[in-house]
Amino acid sequence: MQTILGANRIIATELAKELHKNYTKDIRLVSRNPKKVNESDELVSADLLNEQATSDAVADSEIVYMSGATL
């Protein structure tokens, strides 16, 4: 499983497309209101400012990507 945090950003969308096309179909997209990029994407709604929610969202991930964040 590869997880992308901040999944609604343009960089995350392009990364999800590229991962799906060339590397893996096991992609988890995480944001407050995630939307599928690829049919097989797993969606997780989480507030990334919440430590426990973020920890839960990345559970069982081999790789985690963080799309740019605005705090």
Protein backbone atom coordinates (compact mmCIF):
# COMPACT_ATOMS: atom_id res chain seq x y z
CA MET A 1 0.00 0.00 0.00
CA GLN A 2 1.24 3.46 -0.92
CA THR A 3 -0.48 6.38 0.80
CA ILE A 4 -0.73 9.97 -0.35
CA LEU A 5 -1.48 12.56 2.34
CA GLY A 6 -3.05 15.82 1.19
CA ALA A 7 -4.70 13.94 -1.66
CA ASN A 8 -6.79 16.75 -3.19
CA ARG A 9 -3.79 18.76 -4.33
CA ILE A 10 -2.74 18.75 -8.00
CA ILE A 11 0.65 17.16 -7.24
CA ALA A 12 -1.09 14.35 -5.34
CA THR A 13 -3.50 13.78 -8.22
CA GLU A 14 -0.67 13.50 -10.73
CA LEU A 15 1.31 11.24 -8.38
CA ALA A 16 -1.70 8.93 -7.95
CA LYS A 17 -2.07 8.66 -11.75
CA GLU A 18 1.62 7.89 -12.21
CA LEU A 19 1.77 5.33 -9.40
CA HIS A 20 -1.29 3.54 -10.76
CA LYS A 21 0.04 3.55 -14.32
CA ASN A 22 3.58 2.39 -13.57
CA TYR A 23 3.99 0.96 -10.08
CA THR A 24 1.00 -0.18 -8.03
CA LYS A 25 -2.78 -0.33 -7.92
CA ASP A 26 -2.72 -0.26 -4.07
CA ILE A 27 -3.07 3.46 -3.44
CA ARG A 28 -4.69 5.15 -0.44
CA LEU A 29 -5.70 8.80 -0.77
CA VAL A 30 -6.04 10.75 2.47
CA SER A 31 -7.49 14.21 3.03
CA ARG A 32 -10.50 15.75 4.72
CA ASN A 33 -12.62 15.03 1.64
CA PRO A 34 -10.69 12.64 -0.61
CA LYS A 35 -11.82 11.90 -4.16
CA LYS A 36 -10.81 8.93 -6.30
CA VAL A 37 -8.27 9.51 -9.04
CA ASN A 38 -8.17 5.85 -10.10
CA GLU A 39 -10.99 3.33 -9.84
CA SER A 40 -9.06 1.13 -7.38
CA ASP A 41 -8.06 3.95 -4.98
CA GLU A 42 -8.86 3.54 -1.30
CA LEU A 43 -10.18 6.74 0.28
CA VAL A 44 -9.61 7.77 3.90
CA SER A 45 -11.05 10.93 5.37
CA ALA A 46 -8.76 12.40 8.03
CA ASP A 47 -7.70 15.70 9.58
CA LEU A 48 -3.94 15.61 9.04
CA LEU A 49 -3.44 18.05 11.91
CA ASN A 50 -4.69 15.30 14.22
CA GLU A 51 -1.80 12.99 15.14
CA GLN A 52 -3.97 9.91 15.80
CA ALA A 53 -6.02 10.37 12.62
CA THR A 54 -2.83 10.66 10.57
CA SER A 55 -1.29 7.63 12.25
CA ASP A 56 -4.42 5.61 11.54
CA ALA A 57 -4.49 6.80 7.93
CA VAL A 58 -0.96 5.59 7.19
CA ALA A 59 -1.30 2.23 8.98
CA ASP A 60 -0.01 -0.69 6.88
CA SER A 61 1.56 1.65 4.30
CA GLU A 62 4.88 0.70 2.73
CA ILE A 63 5.44 4.24 1.43
CA VAL A 64 3.79 7.53 2.46
CA TYR A 65 3.89 10.67 0.33
CA MET A 66 3.03 14.13 1.69
CA SER A 67 1.62 16.51 -0.85
CA GLY A 68 2.42 20.12 0.07
CA ALA A 69 0.62 21.34 3.16
CA THR A 70 -0.66 24.74 4.17
CA LEU A 71 -0.87 25.26 7.91
